[in-house]
Amino acid sequence: MWRKKRVYLDSAAGVASNPSSPHTEGRRSREALEKARLTMARLIECKSDDIIFTSGATEANNIAIQGLAKSGAHMLYLPSAHASIVETMRALESRGMSIEALPIREGRVDIKATQKLLRPETLLVSIDAVCGETGTVWDTREVKRILPKHTYLHVDASQAPFVEKLTRSHFDADLLVFDGSKVGVRGAGCLIAPRTIPLAPLVFGGGQERGLRSGTENVEAIKAFADALSAAEKGRETFFAHATRDRKHLVEALMGSGISDIYINEGTKVAPHIINLSLVGRDTDYLVTLLDAAGFAVSTRSACESDKTEGSRAVLALTRDRARALSSVRISWGREARSRDLARFAEALVGAVAFIDKTTLKSHY
């Protein structure tokens, strides 16, 4: 039987079909959304119902932290974590909540000192799995082991793809966050949060995502996010091996170049594709400009850090050295970078530093 062409007359619900709509287009969108959720659940080894899709890690971290916050509670956080953790904790502290920073010693969380900070009212400990500025890989399981049953561990694993296994049990996290932009997909992220954890919503509306993230889901971005995260996990071992080799060669080239006052800022375990250098006494913003003109994109700190006057918060937390924090440069690369690209970069950086040293006076912090 001949069928007439379908006419979409629900544009008020969204020009693209809304997954909450009951018609055929809406059901197809819902099916695509739930398929992506199932893909993520299999990858992370959690229940599909545990997954709350968001616009990214910043939103997911805020739901995890503010969604648990209550009067009289005490929370701990890693001071080198992403701004969406640190600034949220600072905001809660300004409202009267008891907030403290986790102590770092010799490139790792100081477990003995952390145990002394724990209280009966300690509700949450927030930590990133991999520091996006220094590449330090934090032992989240070691932290979890010392926490009492009533204290939740929140792990931001945004920088973990290609470096760490992505299962929830690997991080031993109660609340786990991933971000699409770190695998090439902007506009999507997720929070892994079992129903047993009493989270309160920050935004109210249509009640999507178990009522914790109202607003129409970005289905296309979520589908791409699930696929990209799965691809990252499949390629993890190969990328890690190649990045480890390239890191070794790059560090040897830079440390053996004769540059004075150069330091590598790293913890006891690192993501091989992130190197944080301090070139003490140099204007690293100027250095970044020189490297940009030479065709290399690097940064002095996380793109999400707004305060440039204090240098790298992550480097300061790790090294406790203000001069190193004020003169840091982050080098990070993905699957598209080749060994010869990094070799050319090493030459460009050495040349740029030599130019700065010859034409300007080094600062003394």
Protein backbone atom coordinates (compact mmCIF):
# COMPACT_ATOMS: atom_id res chain seq x y z
CA MET A 1 0.00 0.00 0.00
CA TRP A 2 1.31 3.44 -0.89
CA ARG A 3 2.26 5.52 2.17
CA LYS A 4 2.19 9.27 2.26
CA LYS A 5 5.31 11.16 3.24
CA ARG A 6 5.43 11.85 6.98
CA VAL A 7 5.07 15.47 7.99
CA TYR A 8 6.82 16.68 11.12
CA LEU A 9 4.46 19.02 12.98
CA ASP A 10 6.16 19.05 16.39
CA SER A 11 8.79 21.72 15.84
CA ALA A 12 7.81 23.40 19.12
CA ALA A 13 9.32 20.36 20.87
CA GLY A 14 12.49 20.77 18.84
CA VAL A 15 13.45 21.14 15.20
CA ALA A 16 15.34 17.88 15.64
CA SER A 17 13.14 15.17 17.12
CA ASN A 18 12.85 15.32 20.90
CA PRO A 19 13.56 11.98 22.65
CA SER A 20 10.77 12.76 25.13
CA SER A 21 8.12 13.01 22.39
CA PRO A 22 5.69 10.07 21.89
CA HIS A 23 5.57 10.03 18.09
CA THR A 24 7.69 7.93 15.72
CA GLU A 25 10.45 10.52 15.37
CA GLY A 26 10.62 10.96 19.13
CA ARG A 27 10.73 7.21 19.72
CA ARG A 28 13.59 6.83 17.23
CA SER A 29 15.50 9.56 19.02
CA ARG A 30 14.83 7.86 22.36
CA GLU A 31 16.03 4.53 20.97
CA ALA A 32 19.28 6.14 19.78
CA LEU A 33 19.76 7.76 23.19
CA GLU A 34 19.23 4.51 25.07
CA LYS A 35 21.49 2.62 22.68
CA ALA A 36 24.26 5.11 23.49
CA ARG A 37 23.53 4.69 27.19
CA LEU A 38 23.85 0.91 26.85
CA THR A 39 27.15 1.30 24.97
CA MET A 40 28.48 3.45 27.80
CA ALA A 41 27.21 1.05 30.47
CA ARG A 42 29.00 -1.90 28.87
CA LEU A 43 32.20 0.14 28.57
CA ILE A 44 32.17 1.48 32.12
CA GLU A 45 30.68 -1.73 33.56
CA CYS A 46 27.79 -0.10 35.35
CA LYS A 47 24.00 -0.17 35.09
CA SER A 48 22.46 1.82 32.25
CA ASP A 49 20.29 3.56 34.82
CA ASP A 50 23.41 4.85 36.57
CA ILE A 51 24.32 7.08 33.62
CA ILE A 52 23.25 10.72 33.65
CA PHE A 53 24.07 12.46 30.39
CA THR A 54 25.15 16.09 30.66
CA SER A 55 26.63 18.81 28.46
CA GLY A 56 30.14 18.01 29.72
CA ALA A 57 32.31 17.39 32.77
CA THR A 58 31.78 20.85 34.30
CA GLU A 59 28.05 20.24 34.60
CA ALA A 60 28.56 16.65 35.76
CA ASN A 61 31.05 17.67 38.47
CA ASN A 62 28.68 20.35 39.71
CA ILE A 63 25.80 17.87 39.97
CA ALA A 64 28.03 15.44 41.87
CA ILE A 65 29.29 18.02 44.35
CA GLN A 66 26.41 20.46 44.78
CA GLY A 67 23.88 17.66 44.47
CA LEU A 68 25.25 16.14 47.68
CA ALA A 69 26.02 19.36 49.55
CA LYS A 70 24.04 19.97 52.72
CA SER A 71 24.34 22.03 55.86
CA GLY A 72 26.88 20.69 58.33
CA ALA A 73 28.66 18.48 55.80
CA HIS A 74 32.42 18.38 55.32
CA MET A 75 34.09 17.86 51.92
CA LEU A 76 37.65 17.31 50.72
CA TYR A 77 39.06 17.98 47.25
CA LEU A 78 42.34 17.69 45.39
CA PRO A 79 43.76 21.23 44.92
CA SER A 80 45.18 20.37 41.48
CA ALA A 81 41.81 19.22 40.16
CA HIS A 82 39.86 20.86 37.34
CA ALA A 83 38.36 24.29 37.99
CA SER A 84 34.85 22.82 37.94
CA ILE A 85 35.76 20.97 41.14
CA VAL A 86 37.92 23.58 42.83
CA GLU A 87 35.68 26.57 42.14
CA THR A 88 32.55 24.64 43.14
CA MET A 89 34.18 23.73 46.44
CA ARG A 90 35.23 27.35 46.99
CA ALA A 91 31.68 28.52 46.30
CA LEU A 92 30.31 26.07 48.87
CA GLU A 93 32.91 27.22 51.37
CA SER A 94 31.83 30.83 50.84
CA ARG A 95 28.32 29.74 51.81
CA GLY A 96 29.51 28.30 55.10
CA MET A 97 30.30 24.68 54.29
CA SER A 98 33.44 23.10 55.73
CA ILE A 99 35.82 22.47 52.83
CA GLU A 100 39.47 21.36 52.94
CA ALA A 101 42.14 20.50 50.36
CA LEU A 102 43.70 17.06 50.20
CA PRO A 103 47.41 17.10 51.05
CA ILE A 104 49.92 16.14 48.34
CA ARG A 105 53.35 14.77 49.19
CA GLU A 106 56.08 13.57 46.84
CA GLY A 107 53.79 13.44 43.84
CA ARG A 108 50.91 11.54 45.39
CA VAL A 109 48.00 12.07 47.78
CA ASP A 110 49.34 11.94 51.34
CA ILE A 111 47.19 9.12 52.72
CA LYS A 112 48.26 9.42 56.36
CA ALA A 113 47.59 13.17 56.40
CA THR A 114 44.27 12.62 54.62
CA GLN A 115 43.15 10.12 57.26
CA LYS A 116 43.62 12.82 59.88
CA LEU A 117 41.29 15.16 57.96
CA LEU A 118 38.40 12.69 57.83
CA ARG A 119 35.48 13.40 60.18
CA PRO A 120 32.15 11.74 60.96
CA GLU A 121 30.49 14.46 58.84
CA THR A 122 32.86 14.05 55.85
CA LEU A 123 30.39 13.43 53.03
CA LEU A 124 32.49 13.64 49.86
CA VAL A 125 36.06 13.45 48.60
CA SER A 126 36.61 14.83 45.07
CA ILE A 127 39.66 13.91 43.01
CA ASP A 128 40.61 13.82 39.35
CA ALA A 129 41.91 10.54 37.95
CA VAL A 130 44.49 12.28 35.75
CA CYS A 131 45.58 15.90 36.19
CA GLY A 132 44.97 17.75 32.94
CA GLU A 133 47.87 20.14 33.56
CA THR A 134 50.70 17.96 34.88
CA GLY A 135 49.56 14.54 33.65
CA THR A 136 49.84 13.14 37.16
CA VAL A 137 47.81 9.95 37.57
CA TRP A 138 46.31 9.82 41.05
CA ASP A 139 45.69 6.52 42.83
CA THR A 140 41.95 6.81 43.40
CA ARG A 141 41.68 3.30 44.81
CA GLU A 142 44.26 4.10 47.48
CA VAL A 143 42.12 7.06 48.54
CA LYS A 144 38.92 5.01 48.50
CA ARG A 145 40.42 2.38 50.83
CA ILE A 146 40.71 4.83 53.71
CA LEU A 147 37.22 6.33 53.39
CA PRO A 148 34.46 5.29 55.79
CA LYS A 149 31.27 3.86 54.31
CA HIS A 150 29.34 7.12 54.67
CA THR A 151 31.92 9.09 52.62
CA TYR A 152 31.52 9.06 48.84
CA LEU A 153 34.43 9.20 46.40
CA HIS A 154 33.85 11.43 43.38
CA VAL A 155 36.32 10.93 40.53
CA ASP A 156 36.61 13.21 37.49
CA ALA A 157 37.99 10.84 34.85
CA SER A 158 37.81 13.33 31.98
CA GLN A 159 41.52 12.98 31.18
CA ALA A 160 41.63 9.21 31.70
CA PRO A 161 40.76 7.99 28.15
CA PHE A 162 43.81 6.53 26.35
CA VAL A 163 45.60 6.31 29.73
CA GLU A 164 43.51 4.35 32.24
CA LYS A 165 40.98 1.54 31.95
CA LEU A 166 37.57 3.20 31.96
CA THR A 167 35.58 0.83 34.20
CA ARG A 168 34.01 2.14 37.35
CA SER A 169 35.69 -0.59 39.41
CA HIS A 170 39.12 0.50 38.13
CA PHE A 171 38.67 3.89 39.81
CA ASP A 172 36.66 2.46 42.73
CA ALA A 173 34.46 5.55 42.46
CA ASP A 174 30.99 6.13 43.84
CA LEU A 175 30.48 9.06 41.44
CA LEU A 176 32.38 9.05 38.15
CA VAL A 177 32.59 11.74 35.45
CA PHE A 178 33.62 11.62 31.77
CA ASP A 179 33.84 14.44 29.24
CA GLY A 180 33.21 14.25 25.51
CA SER A 181 35.57 17.06 24.54
CA LYS A 182 38.57 15.00 25.66
CA VAL A 183 37.73 12.39 23.01
CA GLY A 184 36.80 14.89 20.32
CA VAL A 185 33.07 15.46 20.98
CA ARG A 186 31.92 18.78 22.41
CA GLY A 187 28.54 19.18 24.05
CA ALA A 188 28.31 15.84 25.84
CA GLY A 189 29.50 14.32 29.08
CA CYS A 190 28.17 12.04 31.77
CA LEU A 191 27.94 11.41 35.47
CA ILE A 192 27.84 7.81 36.71
CA ALA A 193 25.63 7.96 39.82
CA PRO A 194 23.70 5.01 41.28
CA ARG A 195 20.21 5.76 42.56
CA THR A 196 21.36 4.83 46.06
CA ILE A 197 23.34 8.09 46.25
CA PRO A 198 20.96 10.89 47.33
CA LEU A 199 21.70 13.57 44.74
CA ALA A 200 19.51 16.65 44.46
CA PRO A 201 19.00 18.38 41.09
CA LEU A 202 20.51 21.80 40.41
CA VAL A 203 18.24 22.60 37.45
CA PHE A 204 14.49 21.96 37.31
CA GLY A 205 12.37 21.44 34.24
CA GLY A 206 11.18 18.43 32.28
CA GLY A 207 12.77 15.87 34.58
CA GLN A 208 15.06 14.26 32.02
CA GLU A 209 17.95 12.04 33.14
CA ARG A 210 16.24 10.84 36.33
CA GLY A 211 15.32 14.41 37.16
CA LEU A 212 18.98 15.29 37.82
CA ARG A 213 19.60 17.04 34.50
CA SER A 214 16.44 18.58 33.11
CA GLY A 215 16.63 19.73 29.52
CA THR A 216 16.36 18.00 26.16
CA GLU A 217 19.25 15.59 25.66
CA ASN A 218 21.71 16.33 22.85
CA VAL A 219 21.22 12.94 21.21
CA GLU A 220 23.63 13.35 18.29
CA ALA A 221 26.45 14.52 20.57
CA ILE A 222 25.72 11.74 23.07
CA LYS A 223 25.82 9.09 20.32
CA ALA A 224 29.17 10.44 19.09
CA PHE A 225 30.47 10.61 22.68
CA ALA A 226 29.65 6.95 23.37
CA ASP A 227 31.31 5.86 20.12
CA ALA A 228 34.40 8.03 20.70
CA LEU A 229 34.89 6.84 24.27
CA SER A 230 34.61 3.22 23.11
CA ALA A 231 37.17 3.87 20.36
CA ALA A 232 39.53 5.48 22.90
CA GLU A 233 39.38 2.39 25.08
CA LYS A 234 40.02 0.07 22.13
CA GLY A 235 43.07 2.09 21.12
CA ARG A 236 44.36 2.71 24.64
CA GLU A 237 47.21 0.20 24.82
CA THR A 238 48.62 1.13 21.41
CA PHE A 239 48.42 4.87 22.09
CA PHE A 240 49.96 4.46 25.55
CA ALA A 241 52.92 2.54 24.19
CA HIS A 242 53.59 5.06 21.41
CA ALA A 243 53.12 8.07 23.73
CA THR A 244 55.47 6.55 26.33
CA ARG A 245 58.20 6.17 23.70
CA ASP A 246 57.65 9.69 22.35
CA ARG A 247 57.63 11.17 25.85
CA LYS A 248 61.00 9.56 26.62
CA HIS A 249 62.58 10.99 23.48
CA LEU A 250 61.07 14.46 24.01
CA VAL A 251 62.13 14.70 27.65
CA GLU A 252 65.66 13.54 26.77
CA ALA A 253 65.89 16.13 24.01
CA LEU A 254 64.76 18.97 26.25
CA MET A 255 66.65 18.05 29.40
CA GLY A 256 69.82 17.41 27.40
CA SER A 257 69.58 20.66 25.43
CA GLY A 258 71.57 22.79 27.84
CA ILE A 259 68.59 24.95 28.85
CA SER A 260 69.11 26.21 32.39
CA ASP A 261 66.49 26.20 35.13
CA ILE A 262 64.22 23.67 33.39
CA TYR A 263 62.10 21.25 35.42
CA ILE A 264 59.55 18.52 34.69
CA ASN A 265 56.48 18.83 36.92
CA GLU A 266 55.03 15.36 37.44
CA GLY A 267 53.75 12.97 40.07
CA THR A 268 54.90 9.43 40.79
CA LYS A 269 52.79 8.11 37.89
CA VAL A 270 52.01 10.12 34.74
CA ALA A 271 49.94 10.11 31.58
CA PRO A 272 52.64 9.81 28.91
CA HIS A 273 51.06 12.31 26.50
CA ILE A 274 51.08 15.24 28.95
CA ILE A 275 54.33 16.96 29.89
CA ASN A 276 54.46 20.01 32.12
CA LEU A 277 57.70 22.00 32.03
CA SER A 278 58.82 24.90 34.15
CA LEU A 279 61.31 27.29 32.56
CA VAL A 280 62.01 29.38 35.61
CA GLY A 281 62.54 33.08 35.06
CA ARG A 282 61.17 33.15 31.51
CA ASP A 283 58.03 34.81 30.28
CA THR A 284 56.21 31.64 29.22
CA ASP A 285 53.29 33.58 27.73
CA TYR A 286 55.83 35.08 25.33
CA LEU A 287 57.28 31.60 24.76
CA VAL A 288 53.83 30.27 23.84
CA THR A 289 53.48 33.13 21.34
CA LEU A 290 56.84 32.30 19.75
CA LEU A 291 55.95 28.63 19.49
CA ASP A 292 52.55 29.52 18.02
CA ALA A 293 54.27 31.54 15.30
CA ALA A 294 56.49 28.52 14.63
CA GLY A 295 53.43 26.32 14.13
CA PHE A 296 53.11 24.65 17.54
CA ALA A 297 50.12 25.04 19.87
CA VAL A 298 50.93 24.69 23.59
CA SER A 299 49.59 26.41 26.70
CA THR A 300 50.76 27.74 30.03
CA ARG A 301 47.82 26.34 31.99
CA SER A 302 44.43 24.75 31.64
CA ALA A 303 42.12 26.64 29.27
CA CYS A 304 39.55 26.65 32.10
CA GLU A 305 41.79 28.63 34.48
CA SER A 306 40.92 32.33 34.43
CA ASP A 307 43.48 33.72 36.90
CA LYS A 308 46.76 34.11 35.02
CA THR A 309 48.53 36.12 37.72
CA GLU A 310 49.07 33.19 40.06
CA GLY A 311 50.45 30.78 37.48
CA SER A 312 49.47 27.13 37.41
CA ARG A 313 47.45 26.09 40.46
CA ALA A 314 48.14 22.43 39.65
CA VAL A 315 51.91 22.93 39.48
CA LEU A 316 51.88 24.91 42.72
CA ALA A 317 49.90 22.18 44.49
CA LEU A 318 52.27 19.51 43.21
CA THR A 319 55.63 21.25 43.70
CA ARG A 320 54.86 23.97 46.29
CA ASP A 321 57.20 26.14 44.22
CA ARG A 322 55.73 29.48 43.10
CA ALA A 323 58.53 30.15 40.61
CA ARG A 324 57.77 26.88 38.84
CA ALA A 325 54.04 27.58 38.91
CA LEU A 326 54.58 30.99 37.30
CA SER A 327 56.78 29.63 34.52
CA SER A 328 55.08 26.41 33.45
CA VAL A 329 54.24 25.23 29.94
CA ARG A 330 51.96 22.29 29.18
CA ILE A 331 52.66 20.08 26.18
CA SER A 332 50.01 17.48 25.35
CA TRP A 333 49.23 15.51 22.23
CA GLY A 334 46.78 13.03 20.80
CA ARG A 335 46.71 10.21 18.28
CA GLU A 336 47.27 12.54 15.33
CA ALA A 337 50.73 13.71 16.53
CA ARG A 338 53.72 11.88 15.06
CA SER A 339 57.16 11.26 16.51
CA ARG A 340 58.78 13.56 13.95
CA ASP A 341 56.34 16.35 14.92
CA LEU A 342 57.50 16.13 18.52
CA ALA A 343 61.15 16.08 17.44
CA ARG A 344 60.58 19.28 15.45
CA PHE A 345 58.81 20.78 18.45
CA ALA A 346 61.79 20.07 20.71
CA GLU A 347 64.04 21.97 18.30
CA ALA A 348 61.59 24.89 18.14
CA LEU A 349 61.27 25.11 21.92
CA VAL A 350 65.03 25.05 22.48
CA GLY A 351 65.42 27.78 19.86
CA ALA A 352 62.64 29.91 21.33
CA VAL A 353 64.09 29.68 24.85
CA ALA A 354 67.54 30.62 23.51
CA PHE A 355 65.99 33.64 21.79
CA ILE A 356 64.24 34.73 25.01
CA ASP A 357 67.41 34.29 27.05
CA LYS A 358 69.40 36.35 24.53
CA THR A 359 66.93 39.20 24.09
CA THR A 360 65.37 39.60 27.54
CA LEU A 361 66.44 39.62 31.12
CA LYS A 362 65.21 36.63 33.09
CA SER A 363 62.84 37.49 35.89
CA HIS A 364 63.58 36.52 39.46
CA TYR A 365 60.47 35.39 41.30
